[in-house]
Amino acid sequence: MQSTFRYPDGSEYTGGEKNRFILKEKYDFCFFKGEWNNDGERHGFGQFLFSDQAKYRGQFEHGLFSGLGCITYPDGSKYDGELSQGRYNGLGVFIRCDGMKYEGQLQNGLICGLGLLTFADGSHGLPRNEGYFENNKLVRHEKCPDIIRKAIICAEKAKNQQPPQENRST
């Protein structure tokens, strides 16, 4: 079955549909494969490739990254974890292209909350860069092993997500 979706900017997509599961969308600037809602928004599980070759794989809500997801950037940096309103929000693991890693809480796209910073060589700094962060900066040293463990588990869940299976009985 073919369906046409019209976007607010006037652009259109016409493509295959099976139980509201769009098989693909392709523009000059991006590629999307995943689920849509009845309003023509990316909604549910999907994979998005940006024009700069950044990639997102995970949940969408009303067109935005939301829920569990994985983002890989062209420079090799990556984020695995929770997102809301298109930004890092909740628990997750961010690894920079130079190997520096943050495991913990994020808010509105920033390192904010409890977490642990690990340098590329595996060290954590002296004193250990573990505790409460605000606006990407450590402001209070504090042990937070439970949050770190939960962030790692959340990142693994994001990486292990599988797309829904198409209903093949139609």
Protein backbone atom coordinates (compact mmCIF):
# COMPACT_ATOMS: atom_id res chain seq x y z
CA MET A 1 0.00 0.00 0.00
CA GLN A 2 1.30 3.49 -0.89
CA SER A 3 0.71 6.49 1.38
CA THR A 4 1.56 10.15 1.06
CA PHE A 5 2.57 12.25 4.06
CA ARG A 6 2.68 16.02 3.79
CA TYR A 7 5.05 17.89 6.14
CA PRO A 8 4.49 21.38 7.56
CA ASP A 9 7.13 22.79 5.18
CA GLY A 10 5.08 21.51 2.21
CA SER A 11 7.38 18.62 1.32
CA GLU A 12 5.82 15.23 0.76
CA TYR A 13 6.77 11.60 1.14
CA THR A 14 5.06 8.88 -0.86
CA GLY A 15 6.07 5.35 -0.04
CA GLY A 16 5.25 1.90 1.17
CA GLU A 17 3.19 1.35 4.25
CA LYS A 18 2.19 -1.75 6.13
CA ASN A 19 0.13 -1.29 9.30
CA ARG A 20 1.39 2.31 9.59
CA PHE A 21 5.01 1.07 9.42
CA ILE A 22 6.65 3.24 6.79
CA LEU A 23 9.36 1.37 4.96
CA LYS A 24 11.53 4.39 4.22
CA GLU A 25 11.73 8.14 3.73
CA LYS A 26 14.52 9.77 1.78
CA TYR A 27 15.35 13.40 1.15
CA ASP A 28 18.49 15.10 -0.07
CA PHE A 29 19.46 15.71 3.55
CA CYS A 30 18.42 12.61 5.49
CA PHE A 31 17.05 9.08 5.48
CA PHE A 32 14.48 7.62 7.90
CA LYS A 33 13.19 4.10 8.31
CA GLY A 34 10.65 3.46 11.02
CA GLU A 35 7.20 4.05 12.42
CA TRP A 36 4.86 7.00 11.93
CA ASN A 37 1.74 8.17 13.72
CA ASN A 38 -1.48 9.22 11.98
CA ASP A 39 -0.29 12.86 11.94
CA GLY A 40 2.67 11.97 9.72
CA GLU A 41 5.23 12.34 12.52
CA ARG A 42 8.05 9.91 13.23
CA HIS A 43 6.61 8.07 16.23
CA GLY A 44 7.73 4.73 17.67
CA PHE A 45 10.95 2.96 16.74
CA GLY A 46 13.07 4.24 13.88
CA GLN A 47 16.49 4.85 12.38
CA PHE A 48 17.55 8.28 11.13
CA LEU A 49 20.63 9.13 9.06
CA PHE A 50 21.54 12.83 8.87
CA SER A 51 23.21 14.53 5.92
CA ASP A 52 26.47 14.80 7.92
CA GLN A 53 26.31 11.00 8.43
CA ALA A 54 25.32 11.24 12.11
CA LYS A 55 22.99 8.33 12.95
CA TYR A 56 20.16 7.85 15.45
CA ARG A 57 18.54 4.53 16.25
CA GLY A 58 15.77 4.37 18.82
CA GLN A 59 12.43 5.74 19.92
CA PHE A 60 10.65 8.79 18.50
CA GLU A 61 7.74 10.69 19.98
CA HIS A 62 5.91 13.20 17.79
CA GLY A 63 8.91 13.55 15.48
CA LEU A 64 11.56 13.96 18.21
CA PHE A 65 14.05 11.55 19.77
CA SER A 66 12.33 10.36 22.94
CA GLY A 67 12.76 7.26 25.07
CA LEU A 68 15.75 4.98 24.60
CA GLY A 69 18.12 5.73 21.75
CA CYS A 70 21.65 5.64 20.36
CA ILE A 71 23.33 8.53 18.53
CA THR A 72 26.62 8.18 16.65
CA TYR A 73 28.30 11.34 15.37
CA PRO A 74 30.59 11.64 12.32
CA ASP A 75 33.65 12.21 14.55
CA GLY A 76 33.02 8.89 16.34
CA SER A 77 31.45 10.33 19.49
CA LYS A 78 28.37 8.46 20.64
CA TYR A 79 25.54 8.55 23.16
CA ASP A 80 23.44 5.62 24.35
CA GLY A 81 20.61 6.18 26.80
CA GLU A 82 17.46 8.14 27.52
CA LEU A 83 16.25 11.11 25.49
CA SER A 84 13.30 13.47 25.71
CA GLN A 85 12.16 16.25 23.38
CA GLY A 86 15.11 15.52 21.09
CA ARG A 87 17.77 15.97 23.80
CA TYR A 88 19.77 13.83 26.19
CA ASN A 89 17.53 13.53 29.24
CA GLY A 90 17.75 10.91 31.95
CA LEU A 91 20.40 8.23 32.27
CA GLY A 92 23.02 7.47 29.68
CA VAL A 93 26.61 7.03 28.57
CA PHE A 94 28.35 9.59 26.35
CA ILE A 95 31.74 8.74 24.82
CA ARG A 96 33.67 11.50 23.05
CA CYS A 97 35.75 10.84 19.95
CA ASP A 98 38.93 11.14 22.07
CA GLY A 99 37.73 8.33 24.37
CA MET A 100 36.64 10.46 27.33
CA LYS A 101 33.45 8.96 28.80
CA TYR A 102 30.61 10.20 31.02
CA GLU A 103 28.21 7.77 32.71
CA GLY A 104 25.28 9.20 34.62
CA GLN A 105 22.45 11.70 34.53
CA LEU A 106 21.85 14.25 31.79
CA GLN A 107 19.32 17.04 31.49
CA ASN A 108 18.30 19.16 28.49
CA GLY A 109 21.27 17.92 26.48
CA LEU A 110 23.84 18.68 29.19
CA ILE A 111 25.76 16.66 31.77
CA CYS A 112 23.67 17.53 34.79
CA GLY A 113 23.13 15.35 37.85
CA LEU A 114 25.12 12.52 39.35
CA GLY A 115 27.75 10.74 37.30
CA LEU A 116 31.33 9.72 36.62
CA LEU A 117 33.82 11.15 34.14
CA THR A 118 36.49 8.76 32.84
CA PHE A 119 39.46 9.99 30.80
CA ALA A 120 40.64 8.22 27.66
CA ASP A 121 43.45 6.51 29.60
CA GLY A 122 40.88 4.97 31.99
CA SER A 123 41.72 7.25 34.91
CA HIS A 124 39.13 9.34 36.75
CA GLY A 125 41.35 12.20 37.90
CA LEU A 126 42.51 13.17 41.38
CA PRO A 127 40.27 13.68 43.17
CA ARG A 128 37.98 11.27 41.33
CA ASN A 129 35.63 13.08 38.89
CA GLU A 130 32.52 11.50 40.39
CA GLY A 131 29.62 13.40 41.86
CA TYR A 132 27.15 16.11 40.99
CA PHE A 133 27.54 17.94 37.67
CA GLU A 134 25.86 21.16 36.51
CA ASN A 135 26.15 22.48 32.95
CA ASN A 136 28.85 19.92 32.08
CA LYS A 137 31.01 20.78 35.13
CA LEU A 138 31.62 18.81 38.32
CA VAL A 139 30.42 20.99 41.20
CA ARG A 140 30.36 18.51 44.12
CA HIS A 141 32.34 15.32 44.73
CA GLU A 142 30.13 12.47 45.85
CA LYS A 143 30.09 8.71 45.36
CA CYS A 144 27.21 7.58 43.15
CA PRO A 145 27.76 3.92 42.16
CA ASP A 146 24.02 3.19 41.85
CA ILE A 147 23.48 5.97 39.30
CA ILE A 148 26.54 4.89 37.31
CA ARG A 149 25.33 1.28 37.27
CA LYS A 150 21.83 2.36 36.19
CA ALA A 151 23.28 4.57 33.42
CA ILE A 152 25.30 1.64 32.07
CA ILE A 153 22.24 -0.65 32.16
CA CYS A 154 20.15 2.01 30.41
CA ALA A 155 22.80 2.42 27.68
CA GLU A 156 22.86 -1.35 27.12
CA LYS A 157 19.06 -1.43 26.83
CA ALA A 158 19.23 1.36 24.26
CA LYS A 159 21.83 -0.53 22.22
CA ASN A 160 19.86 -3.79 22.36
CA GLN A 161 16.53 -2.41 21.13
CA GLN A 162 14.99 -4.21 18.20
CA PRO A 163 12.57 -2.71 15.68
CA PRO A 164 9.01 -4.01 15.86
CA GLN A 165 8.23 -6.86 13.52
CA GLU A 166 5.92 -6.09 10.64
CA ASN A 167 2.65 -7.98 10.70
CA ARG A 168 3.09 -10.39 7.81
CA SER A 169 -0.41 -11.90 8.01
CA THR A 170 -2.07 -9.25 5.79
